[in-house]
Amino acid sequence: MALPRSLSTGLLPSEIEYIATTETEVSIVPLIAFDRVRLLGGIYGPFRPPAQVNVPLWLASYLKKRKKCRIVPPTWLTVESLSDTLRIETSNPGFAVLPFHYVAIAKVLLDVAPDDISGSDQVRALLKDIREARQSKIMAGLEMINAVHLEMTNISAIEIAELRPFFSTAFKELRGFQKSAALASGQEEEVPDAAYNFGDQQDAPFDNDYEMPQYQDDAFPAKGAGGIDDYADEPSLARPGYGAYGPRTGERRTDMGEEDDGEDEGDDAQQPPGRRSAAPMVEEYEMD
């Protein structure tokens, strides 16, 4: 399935082929004898013909191109097995069991070792028919897509890569529609409750009997019980138990030192740090 460049957000076919060649092992029959080979993926060998050895697909392809081995095709890559697979694909709604990288594996083997696969031309034709049958079922299965998930068992890596851009866009749009529908239904339920007529006090959503609390002088601690004078040595102006606003604001300004404006500067030296007169600060921010 060909995709435009703008939708090719998943793995490329070449990248899928690379992954398949590194993850898949095949059997080979070496044509020459040599010792073990230490690779990043492990140690392979020794190679003694005509004994079969399991190696990664990329190593089998490398040796085959240099005529140093013969590749043994997997059991599913035969005319008989592929014919059964095609029959299952065309007669059942589900997907037949195939290797996850069956497309990439078949491509590599048919490219480098067609002489090792019996009836390679017929194998190519069967693989093409299987691919078309699976793609038809995938497109038919898209009708069951929802905003949660879409379950498709036994699809291959190349088929996932082909569907990934479409799925990403489709799921995003479906979730957007679902969210819009939820918001619309929620607004329809909330509008009757929120449509108050504020011109009529009877329909207003406020409690007219509510009274603001009145803070009296006796709400503040008295002297000797955690009052203002008990915190005279505190350097901070934010003293516990003292209201920021109210009828005692004048007493607070007096306590902060406004009565010392006419006295000598020595009085300020008698005060603890942070308890200097606040009168200049008050005058600085007064509005004309």
C-alpha atoms as a PDB file:
ATOM      1  CA  MET A   1       0.000   0.000   0.000  1.00  0.00           C
ATOM      2  CA  ALA A   2       1.615   3.234  -1.164  1.00  0.00           C
ATOM      3  CA  LEU A   3       1.383   6.262   1.107  1.00  0.00           C
ATOM      4  CA  PRO A   4       2.117   9.928   0.379  1.00  0.00           C
ATOM      5  CA  ARG A   5       5.163  11.379   2.071  1.00  0.00           C
ATOM      6  CA  SER A   6       3.010  13.545   4.355  1.00  0.00           C
ATOM      7  CA  LEU A   7       1.379  10.418   5.847  1.00  0.00           C
ATOM      8  CA  SER A   8       4.531   8.349   6.213  1.00  0.00           C
ATOM      9  CA  THR A   9       4.848   8.870   9.953  1.00  0.00           C
ATOM     10  CA  GLY A  10       5.588   5.247  10.851  1.00  0.00           C
ATOM     11  CA  LEU A  11       8.393   2.907   9.906  1.00  0.00           C
ATOM     12  CA  LEU A  12       9.504   2.752   6.305  1.00  0.00           C
ATOM     13  CA  PRO A  13       9.504  -0.603   4.485  1.00  0.00           C
ATOM     14  CA  SER A  14      13.307  -0.516   4.434  1.00  0.00           C
ATOM     15  CA  GLU A  15      13.375  -0.036   8.210  1.00  0.00           C
ATOM     16  CA  ILE A  16      10.950  -2.913   8.722  1.00  0.00           C
ATOM     17  CA  GLU A  17      13.128  -5.088   6.511  1.00  0.00           C
ATOM     18  CA  TYR A  18      16.200  -4.204   8.582  1.00  0.00           C
ATOM     19  CA  ILE A  19      14.394  -5.130  11.813  1.00  0.00           C
ATOM     20  CA  ALA A  20      13.222  -8.404  10.288  1.00  0.00           C
ATOM     21  CA  THR A  21      16.725  -9.397   9.180  1.00  0.00           C
ATOM     22  CA  THR A  22      18.132  -8.809  12.668  1.00  0.00           C
ATOM     23  CA  GLU A  23      15.319 -10.494  14.636  1.00  0.00           C
ATOM     24  CA  THR A  24      14.652 -13.509  12.406  1.00  0.00           C
ATOM     25  CA  GLU A  25      16.800 -16.625  12.309  1.00  0.00           C
ATOM     26  CA  VAL A  26      16.847 -19.075   9.405  1.00  0.00           C
ATOM     27  CA  SER A  27      18.632 -22.349   8.766  1.00  0.00           C
ATOM     28  CA  ILE A  28      21.499 -22.541   6.300  1.00  0.00           C
ATOM     29  CA  VAL A  29      23.669 -25.306   4.951  1.00  0.00           C
ATOM     30  CA  PRO A  30      27.263 -24.012   4.757  1.00  0.00           C
ATOM     31  CA  LEU A  31      29.203 -24.823   1.619  1.00  0.00           C
ATOM     32  CA  ILE A  32      32.577 -24.309   3.297  1.00  0.00           C
ATOM     33  CA  ALA A  33      33.855 -25.171   6.754  1.00  0.00           C
ATOM     34  CA  PHE A  34      34.900 -22.473   9.199  1.00  0.00           C
ATOM     35  CA  ASP A  35      34.937 -21.956  12.929  1.00  0.00           C
ATOM     36  CA  ARG A  36      32.569 -20.097  15.172  1.00  0.00           C
ATOM     37  CA  VAL A  37      31.765 -16.465  14.489  1.00  0.00           C
ATOM     38  CA  ARG A  38      31.383 -14.041  17.394  1.00  0.00           C
ATOM     39  CA  LEU A  39      28.913 -11.248  16.604  1.00  0.00           C
ATOM     40  CA  LEU A  40      27.043  -8.644  18.612  1.00  0.00           C
ATOM     41  CA  GLY A  41      23.950 -10.833  18.574  1.00  0.00           C
ATOM     42  CA  GLY A  42      25.763 -13.923  19.790  1.00  0.00           C
ATOM     43  CA  ILE A  43      28.144 -16.680  18.731  1.00  0.00           C
ATOM     44  CA  TYR A  44      27.229 -18.753  15.673  1.00  0.00           C
ATOM     45  CA  GLY A  45      28.808 -21.913  14.352  1.00  0.00           C
ATOM     46  CA  PRO A  46      30.891 -23.874  13.931  1.00  0.00           C
ATOM     47  CA  PHE A  47      29.994 -24.308  10.272  1.00  0.00           C
ATOM     48  CA  ARG A  48      30.537 -27.832   9.036  1.00  0.00           C
ATOM     49  CA  PRO A  49      28.776 -28.936   5.832  1.00  0.00           C
ATOM     50  CA  PRO A  50      26.296 -30.514   5.376  1.00  0.00           C
ATOM     51  CA  ALA A  51      25.029 -29.790   8.920  1.00  0.00           C
ATOM     52  CA  GLN A  52      22.406 -27.060   9.197  1.00  0.00           C
ATOM     53  CA  VAL A  53      23.109 -23.987  11.330  1.00  0.00           C
ATOM     54  CA  ASN A  54      20.699 -21.326  12.552  1.00  0.00           C
ATOM     55  CA  VAL A  55      21.907 -17.784  11.853  1.00  0.00           C
ATOM     56  CA  PRO A  56      20.280 -14.341  11.575  1.00  0.00           C
ATOM     57  CA  LEU A  57      18.634 -13.609   8.263  1.00  0.00           C
ATOM     58  CA  TRP A  58      21.105 -10.839   7.464  1.00  0.00           C
ATOM     59  CA  LEU A  59      24.046 -13.217   7.953  1.00  0.00           C
ATOM     60  CA  ALA A  60      22.376 -15.861   5.792  1.00  0.00           C
ATOM     61  CA  SER A  61      21.836 -13.254   3.086  1.00  0.00           C
ATOM     62  CA  TYR A  62      25.467 -12.142   3.385  1.00  0.00           C
ATOM     63  CA  LEU A  63      26.804 -15.693   3.011  1.00  0.00           C
ATOM     64  CA  LYS A  64      24.376 -16.528   0.206  1.00  0.00           C
ATOM     65  CA  LYS A  65      25.485 -13.549  -1.871  1.00  0.00           C
ATOM     66  CA  ARG A  66      29.068 -14.830  -1.575  1.00  0.00           C
ATOM     67  CA  LYS A  67      28.011 -18.384  -2.483  1.00  0.00           C
ATOM     68  CA  LYS A  68      29.141 -19.771   0.863  1.00  0.00           C
ATOM     69  CA  CYS A  69      25.828 -21.292   1.960  1.00  0.00           C
ATOM     70  CA  ARG A  70      22.428 -22.519   0.876  1.00  0.00           C
ATOM     71  CA  ILE A  71      19.368 -21.168   2.653  1.00  0.00           C
ATOM     72  CA  VAL A  72      16.718 -23.568   3.874  1.00  0.00           C
ATOM     73  CA  PRO A  73      13.335 -21.836   3.329  1.00  0.00           C
ATOM     74  CA  PRO A  74      10.961 -21.770   6.330  1.00  0.00           C
ATOM     75  CA  THR A  75       8.062 -24.196   6.367  1.00  0.00           C
ATOM     76  CA  TRP A  76       5.444 -21.501   5.770  1.00  0.00           C
ATOM     77  CA  LEU A  77       7.212 -20.279   2.598  1.00  0.00           C
ATOM     78  CA  THR A  78       6.228 -23.178   0.369  1.00  0.00           C
ATOM     79  CA  VAL A  79       3.574 -23.547  -2.294  1.00  0.00           C
ATOM     80  CA  GLU A  80       1.529 -25.986  -0.213  1.00  0.00           C
ATOM     81  CA  SER A  81       1.607 -23.903   2.963  1.00  0.00           C
ATOM     82  CA  LEU A  82       0.842 -20.632   1.185  1.00  0.00           C
ATOM     83  CA  SER A  83      -2.056 -22.243  -0.677  1.00  0.00           C
ATOM     84  CA  ASP A  84      -3.601 -23.275   2.648  1.00  0.00           C
ATOM     85  CA  THR A  85      -3.011 -19.795   4.008  1.00  0.00           C
ATOM     86  CA  LEU A  86      -4.744 -18.204   1.020  1.00  0.00           C
ATOM     87  CA  ARG A  87      -7.722 -20.515   1.468  1.00  0.00           C
ATOM     88  CA  ILE A  88      -8.025 -19.475   5.121  1.00  0.00           C
ATOM     89  CA  GLU A  89      -7.726 -15.794   4.260  1.00  0.00           C
ATOM     90  CA  THR A  90     -10.482 -15.945   1.652  1.00  0.00           C
ATOM     91  CA  SER A  91     -12.903 -18.142   3.611  1.00  0.00           C
ATOM     92  CA  ASN A  92     -12.636 -16.791   7.174  1.00  0.00           C
ATOM     93  CA  PRO A  93     -13.210 -13.264   8.525  1.00  0.00           C
ATOM     94  CA  GLY A  94     -10.104 -13.487  10.706  1.00  0.00           C
ATOM     95  CA  PHE A  95      -6.463 -13.352   9.710  1.00  0.00           C
ATOM     96  CA  ALA A  96      -4.394 -16.467   9.168  1.00  0.00           C
ATOM     97  CA  VAL A  97      -1.392 -17.052  11.405  1.00  0.00           C
ATOM     98  CA  LEU A  98       1.780 -15.833   9.706  1.00  0.00           C
ATOM     99  CA  PRO A  99       5.129 -14.548  10.988  1.00  0.00           C
ATOM    100  CA  PHE A 100       5.035 -10.923  12.117  1.00  0.00           C
ATOM    101  CA  HIS A 101       7.602  -9.985   9.445  1.00  0.00           C
ATOM    102  CA  TYR A 102       6.430 -12.433   6.798  1.00  0.00           C
ATOM    103  CA  VAL A 103       6.458  -9.832   4.009  1.00  0.00           C
ATOM    104  CA  ALA A 104      10.021  -8.674   4.692  1.00  0.00           C
ATOM    105  CA  ILE A 105      11.326 -12.219   5.197  1.00  0.00           C
ATOM    106  CA  ALA A 106       9.761 -13.436   1.957  1.00  0.00           C
ATOM    107  CA  LYS A 107      11.118 -10.445   0.047  1.00  0.00           C
ATOM    108  CA  VAL A 108      14.690 -10.979   1.253  1.00  0.00           C
ATOM    109  CA  LEU A 109      14.647 -14.715   0.565  1.00  0.00           C
ATOM    110  CA  LEU A 110      13.087 -14.321  -2.873  1.00  0.00           C
ATOM    111  CA  ASP A 111      15.623 -11.638  -3.761  1.00  0.00           C
ATOM    112  CA  VAL A 112      18.818 -13.380  -2.641  1.00  0.00           C
ATOM    113  CA  ALA A 113      17.897 -17.073  -2.809  1.00  0.00           C
ATOM    114  CA  PRO A 114      15.170 -17.750  -5.398  1.00  0.00           C
ATOM    115  CA  ASP A 115      16.999 -20.916  -6.436  1.00  0.00           C
ATOM    116  CA  ASP A 116      16.643 -22.322  -2.903  1.00  0.00           C
ATOM    117  CA  ILE A 117      12.828 -21.907  -2.898  1.00  0.00           C
ATOM    118  CA  SER A 118      10.874 -24.515  -4.825  1.00  0.00           C
ATOM    119  CA  GLY A 119       8.393 -22.876  -7.233  1.00  0.00           C
ATOM    120  CA  SER A 120       9.557 -19.342  -6.434  1.00  0.00           C
ATOM    121  CA  ASP A 121       7.334 -17.802  -9.130  1.00  0.00           C
ATOM    122  CA  GLN A 122       4.238 -19.487  -7.749  1.00  0.00           C
ATOM    123  CA  VAL A 123       5.286 -18.471  -4.256  1.00  0.00           C
ATOM    124  CA  ARG A 124       5.429 -14.834  -5.372  1.00  0.00           C
ATOM    125  CA  ALA A 125       1.936 -15.057  -6.858  1.00  0.00           C
ATOM    126  CA  LEU A 126       0.493 -16.661  -3.725  1.00  0.00           C
ATOM    127  CA  LEU A 127       2.084 -14.038  -1.493  1.00  0.00           C
ATOM    128  CA  LYS A 128       0.566 -11.297  -3.634  1.00  0.00           C
ATOM    129  CA  ASP A 129      -2.899 -12.862  -3.384  1.00  0.00           C
ATOM    130  CA  ILE A 130      -2.539 -13.243   0.376  1.00  0.00           C
ATOM    131  CA  ARG A 131      -1.522  -9.615   0.717  1.00  0.00           C
ATOM    132  CA  GLU A 132      -4.533  -8.417  -1.265  1.00  0.00           C
ATOM    133  CA  ALA A 133      -6.937 -10.610   0.705  1.00  0.00           C
ATOM    134  CA  ARG A 134      -5.593  -9.340   4.022  1.00  0.00           C
ATOM    135  CA  GLN A 135      -5.734  -5.716   2.887  1.00  0.00           C
ATOM    136  CA  SER A 136      -9.375  -6.143   1.876  1.00  0.00           C
ATOM    137  CA  LYS A 137     -10.244  -7.495   5.323  1.00  0.00           C
ATOM    138  CA  ILE A 138      -8.317  -4.699   7.001  1.00  0.00           C
ATOM    139  CA  MET A 139     -10.235  -2.043   5.082  1.00  0.00           C
ATOM    140  CA  ALA A 140     -13.521  -3.796   5.880  1.00  0.00           C
ATOM    141  CA  GLY A 141     -12.557  -3.940   9.550  1.00  0.00           C
ATOM    142  CA  LEU A 142     -12.150  -0.168   9.685  1.00  0.00           C
ATOM    143  CA  GLU A 143     -15.938   0.099   9.804  1.00  0.00           C
ATOM    144  CA  MET A 144     -15.748  -1.230  13.379  1.00  0.00           C
ATOM    145  CA  ILE A 145     -13.334   1.469  14.534  1.00  0.00           C
ATOM    146  CA  ASN A 146     -14.262   3.380  17.689  1.00  0.00           C
ATOM    147  CA  ALA A 147     -12.656   5.958  19.942  1.00  0.00           C
ATOM    148  CA  VAL A 148     -11.238   3.317  22.297  1.00  0.00           C
ATOM    149  CA  HIS A 149      -9.413   0.723  20.222  1.00  0.00           C
ATOM    150  CA  LEU A 150      -9.610  -1.487  17.156  1.00  0.00           C
ATOM    151  CA  GLU A 151      -8.585  -5.095  17.604  1.00  0.00           C
ATOM    152  CA  MET A 152      -7.012  -6.898  14.655  1.00  0.00           C
ATOM    153  CA  THR A 153      -5.207 -10.098  15.540  1.00  0.00           C
ATOM    154  CA  ASN A 154      -2.355 -11.572  13.485  1.00  0.00           C
ATOM    155  CA  ILE A 155      -1.658  -8.548  11.300  1.00  0.00           C
ATOM    156  CA  SER A 156       1.948  -8.088  10.263  1.00  0.00           C
ATOM    157  CA  ALA A 157       4.463  -5.302  10.803  1.00  0.00           C
ATOM    158  CA  ILE A 158       4.154  -3.881   7.296  1.00  0.00           C
ATOM    159  CA  GLU A 159       0.361  -3.790   7.616  1.00  0.00           C
ATOM    160  CA  ILE A 160       0.615  -1.945  10.917  1.00  0.00           C
ATOM    161  CA  ALA A 161       2.989   0.573   9.344  1.00  0.00           C
ATOM    162  CA  GLU A 162       0.527   1.137   6.518  1.00  0.00           C
ATOM    163  CA  LEU A 163      -2.396   1.705   8.886  1.00  0.00           C
ATOM    164  CA  ARG A 164      -0.618   3.730  11.566  1.00  0.00           C
ATOM    165  CA  PRO A 165      -1.020   7.194   9.935  1.00  0.00           C
ATOM    166  CA  PHE A 166      -4.705   6.601   9.251  1.00  0.00           C
ATOM    167  CA  PHE A 167      -5.352   5.233  12.739  1.00  0.00           C
ATOM    168  CA  SER A 168      -3.600   8.175  14.393  1.00  0.00           C
ATOM    169  CA  THR A 169      -5.727  10.684  12.500  1.00  0.00           C
ATOM    170  CA  ALA A 170      -8.955   8.691  12.878  1.00  0.00           C
ATOM    171  CA  PHE A 171      -8.592   8.182  16.629  1.00  0.00           C
ATOM    172  CA  LYS A 172      -7.779  11.855  17.105  1.00  0.00           C
ATOM    173  CA  GLU A 173     -10.875  12.938  15.187  1.00  0.00           C
ATOM    174  CA  LEU A 174     -13.123  10.434  16.965  1.00  0.00           C
ATOM    175  CA  ARG A 175     -11.954  11.597  20.373  1.00  0.00           C
ATOM    176  CA  GLY A 176     -12.525  15.191  19.314  1.00  0.00           C
ATOM    177  CA  PHE A 177     -16.086  14.372  18.234  1.00  0.00           C
ATOM    178  CA  GLN A 178     -16.662  12.480  21.469  1.00  0.00           C
ATOM    179  CA  LYS A 179     -15.437  15.405  23.544  1.00  0.00           C
ATOM    180  CA  SER A 180     -17.576  17.875  21.598  1.00  0.00           C
ATOM    181  CA  ALA A 181     -20.648  15.683  22.055  1.00  0.00           C
ATOM    182  CA  ALA A 182     -19.988  15.410  25.791  1.00  0.00           C
ATOM    183  CA  LEU A 183     -19.602  19.179  26.125  1.00  0.00           C
ATOM    184  CA  ALA A 184     -22.762  19.786  24.109  1.00  0.00           C
ATOM    185  CA  SER A 185     -24.823  17.411  26.244  1.00  0.00           C
ATOM    186  CA  GLY A 186     -23.377  18.930  29.410  1.00  0.00           C
ATOM    187  CA  GLN A 187     -24.287  22.460  28.317  1.00  0.00           C
ATOM    188  CA  GLU A 188     -27.822  21.388  27.506  1.00  0.00           C
ATOM    189  CA  GLU A 189     -28.170  20.089  31.052  1.00  0.00           C
ATOM    190  CA  GLU A 190     -26.550  23.097  32.723  1.00  0.00           C
ATOM    191  CA  VAL A 191     -28.235  25.899  30.751  1.00  0.00           C
ATOM    192  CA  PRO A 192     -31.680  25.619  32.472  1.00  0.00           C
ATOM    193  CA  ASP A 193     -30.025  25.776  35.922  1.00  0.00           C
ATOM    194  CA  ALA A 194     -27.722  28.641  35.001  1.00  0.00           C
ATOM    195  CA  ALA A 195     -30.351  30.778  33.212  1.00  0.00           C
ATOM    196  CA  TYR A 196     -31.217  32.995  36.148  1.00  0.00           C
ATOM    197  CA  ASN A 197     -33.160  36.241  35.732  1.00  0.00           C
ATOM    198  CA  PHE A 198     -31.089  38.674  37.739  1.00  0.00           C
ATOM    199  CA  GLY A 199     -33.706  41.390  37.237  1.00  0.00           C
ATOM    200  CA  ASP A 200     -35.998  39.446  39.550  1.00  0.00           C
ATOM    201  CA  GLN A 201     -34.590  38.964  43.042  1.00  0.00           C
ATOM    202  CA  GLN A 202     -36.756  35.889  43.511  1.00  0.00           C
ATOM    203  CA  ASP A 203     -34.795  34.001  40.808  1.00  0.00           C
ATOM    204  CA  ALA A 204     -31.349  35.180  41.870  1.00  0.00           C
ATOM    205  CA  PRO A 205     -28.992  32.380  42.879  1.00  0.00           C
ATOM    206  CA  PHE A 206     -27.777  34.272  45.949  1.00  0.00           C
ATOM    207  CA  ASP A 207     -29.016  34.031  49.521  1.00  0.00           C
ATOM    208  CA  ASN A 208     -30.347  37.454  50.450  1.00  0.00           C
ATOM    209  CA  ASP A 209     -30.507  36.474  54.136  1.00  0.00           C
ATOM    210  CA  TYR A 210     -26.765  36.020  54.325  1.00  0.00           C
ATOM    211  CA  GLU A 211     -25.081  38.492  56.715  1.00  0.00           C
ATOM    212  CA  MET A 212     -21.438  39.413  56.662  1.00  0.00           C
ATOM    213  CA  PRO A 213     -19.721  38.594  59.974  1.00  0.00           C
ATOM    214  CA  GLN A 214     -19.132  41.569  62.258  1.00  0.00           C
ATOM    215  CA  TYR A 215     -15.696  41.665  63.859  1.00  0.00           C
ATOM    216  CA  GLN A 216     -15.886  43.351  67.284  1.00  0.00           C
ATOM    217  CA  ASP A 217     -13.039  44.576  69.451  1.00  0.00           C
ATOM    218  CA  ASP A 218     -13.463  41.662  71.838  1.00  0.00           C
ATOM    219  CA  ALA A 219     -12.546  39.314  68.997  1.00  0.00           C
ATOM    220  CA  PHE A 220      -8.893  40.278  69.421  1.00  0.00           C
ATOM    221  CA  PRO A 221      -6.782  39.093  72.364  1.00  0.00           C
ATOM    222  CA  ALA A 222      -6.407  41.458  75.263  1.00  0.00           C
ATOM    223  CA  LYS A 223      -3.187  42.564  76.868  1.00  0.00           C
ATOM    224  CA  GLY A 224      -1.509  39.766  78.725  1.00  0.00           C
ATOM    225  CA  ALA A 225      -3.344  37.134  76.697  1.00  0.00           C
ATOM    226  CA  GLY A 226      -1.323  37.209  73.517  1.00  0.00           C
ATOM    227  CA  GLY A 227      -2.251  40.792  72.644  1.00  0.00           C
ATOM    228  CA  ILE A 228      -0.320  43.453  70.779  1.00  0.00           C
ATOM    229  CA  ASP A 229       1.893  44.529  73.640  1.00  0.00           C
ATOM    230  CA  ASP A 230       3.008  40.967  74.211  1.00  0.00           C
ATOM    231  CA  TYR A 231       4.693  41.038  70.808  1.00  0.00           C
ATOM    232  CA  ALA A 232       6.437  44.385  71.129  1.00  0.00           C
ATOM    233  CA  ASP A 233       9.850  42.799  70.659  1.00  0.00           C
ATOM    234  CA  GLU A 234       8.906  40.977  67.465  1.00  0.00           C
ATOM    235  CA  PRO A 235      10.808  42.354  64.440  1.00  0.00           C
ATOM    236  CA  SER A 236       7.941  41.581  62.072  1.00  0.00           C
ATOM    237  CA  LEU A 237       5.036  43.956  61.551  1.00  0.00           C
ATOM    238  CA  ALA A 238       2.680  41.002  60.947  1.00  0.00           C
ATOM    239  CA  ARG A 239       1.939  40.193  64.574  1.00  0.00           C
ATOM    240  CA  PRO A 240      -0.427  37.381  65.619  1.00  0.00           C
ATOM    241  CA  GLY A 241      -3.863  38.280  66.836  1.00  0.00           C
ATOM    242  CA  TYR A 242      -3.901  41.758  65.368  1.00  0.00           C
ATOM    243  CA  GLY A 243      -6.364  42.672  62.621  1.00  0.00           C
ATOM    244  CA  ALA A 244      -5.076  44.210  59.437  1.00  0.00           C
ATOM    245  CA  TYR A 245      -8.169  46.373  59.133  1.00  0.00           C
ATOM    246  CA  GLY A 246     -10.828  47.592  61.534  1.00  0.00           C
ATOM    247  CA  PRO A 247     -11.326  50.152  64.271  1.00  0.00           C
ATOM    248  CA  ARG A 248      -7.863  49.548  65.785  1.00  0.00           C
ATOM    249  CA  THR A 249      -5.966  50.704  62.728  1.00  0.00           C
ATOM    250  CA  GLY A 250      -5.229  53.986  64.451  1.00  0.00           C
ATOM    251  CA  GLU A 251      -3.752  52.180  67.461  1.00  0.00           C
ATOM    252  CA  ARG A 252      -1.595  50.066  65.154  1.00  0.00           C
ATOM    253  CA  ARG A 253      -0.170  53.142  63.427  1.00  0.00           C
ATOM    254  CA  THR A 254       0.508  54.676  66.831  1.00  0.00           C
ATOM    255  CA  ASP A 255       2.251  51.522  68.007  1.00  0.00           C
ATOM    256  CA  MET A 256       4.351  51.493  64.823  1.00  0.00           C
ATOM    257  CA  GLY A 257       5.914  54.776  65.866  1.00  0.00           C
ATOM    258  CA  GLU A 258       3.992  57.657  64.349  1.00  0.00           C
ATOM    259  CA  GLU A 259       3.930  59.398  67.747  1.00  0.00           C
ATOM    260  CA  ASP A 260       7.751  59.597  67.618  1.00  0.00           C
ATOM    261  CA  ASP A 261       7.828  61.901  64.581  1.00  0.00           C
ATOM    262  CA  GLY A 262       8.636  64.942  66.664  1.00  0.00           C
ATOM    263  CA  GLU A 263      11.196  63.344  68.969  1.00  0.00           C
ATOM    264  CA  ASP A 264      14.931  63.008  68.528  1.00  0.00           C
ATOM    265  CA  GLU A 265      16.587  60.334  66.454  1.00  0.00           C
ATOM    266  CA  GLY A 266      17.824  58.519  69.513  1.00  0.00           C
ATOM    267  CA  ASP A 267      14.418  56.932  70.017  1.00  0.00           C
ATOM    268  CA  ASP A 268      14.772  54.965  66.816  1.00  0.00           C
ATOM    269  CA  ALA A 269      18.063  53.586  68.025  1.00  0.00           C
ATOM    270  CA  GLN A 270      16.257  52.223  71.114  1.00  0.00           C
ATOM    271  CA  GLN A 271      13.921  50.101  68.954  1.00  0.00           C
ATOM    272  CA  PRO A 272      14.738  46.513  68.000  1.00  0.00           C
ATOM    273  CA  PRO A 273      15.699  45.748  64.394  1.00  0.00           C
ATOM    274  CA  GLY A 274      12.750  45.915  62.047  1.00  0.00           C
ATOM    275  CA  ARG A 275      10.722  48.146  64.428  1.00  0.00           C
ATOM    276  CA  ARG A 276      11.710  51.508  63.008  1.00  0.00           C
ATOM    277  CA  SER A 277       9.075  54.151  62.579  1.00  0.00           C
ATOM    278  CA  ALA A 278       6.674  53.421  59.741  1.00  0.00           C
ATOM    279  CA  ALA A 279       5.515  57.006  59.313  1.00  0.00           C
ATOM    280  CA  PRO A 280       7.937  57.880  56.483  1.00  0.00           C
ATOM    281  CA  MET A 281       6.820  54.766  54.632  1.00  0.00           C
ATOM    282  CA  VAL A 282       3.174  55.779  55.024  1.00  0.00           C
ATOM    283  CA  GLU A 283       3.847  59.291  53.776  1.00  0.00           C
ATOM    284  CA  GLU A 284       5.740  57.956  50.751  1.00  0.00           C
ATOM    285  CA  TYR A 285       2.697  56.091  49.404  1.00  0.00           C
ATOM    286  CA  GLU A 286       0.053  58.705  50.253  1.00  0.00           C
ATOM    287  CA  MET A 287      -2.069  59.885  47.340  1.00  0.00           C
ATOM    288  CA  ASP A 288      -2.284  63.636  46.814  1.00  0.00           C
END
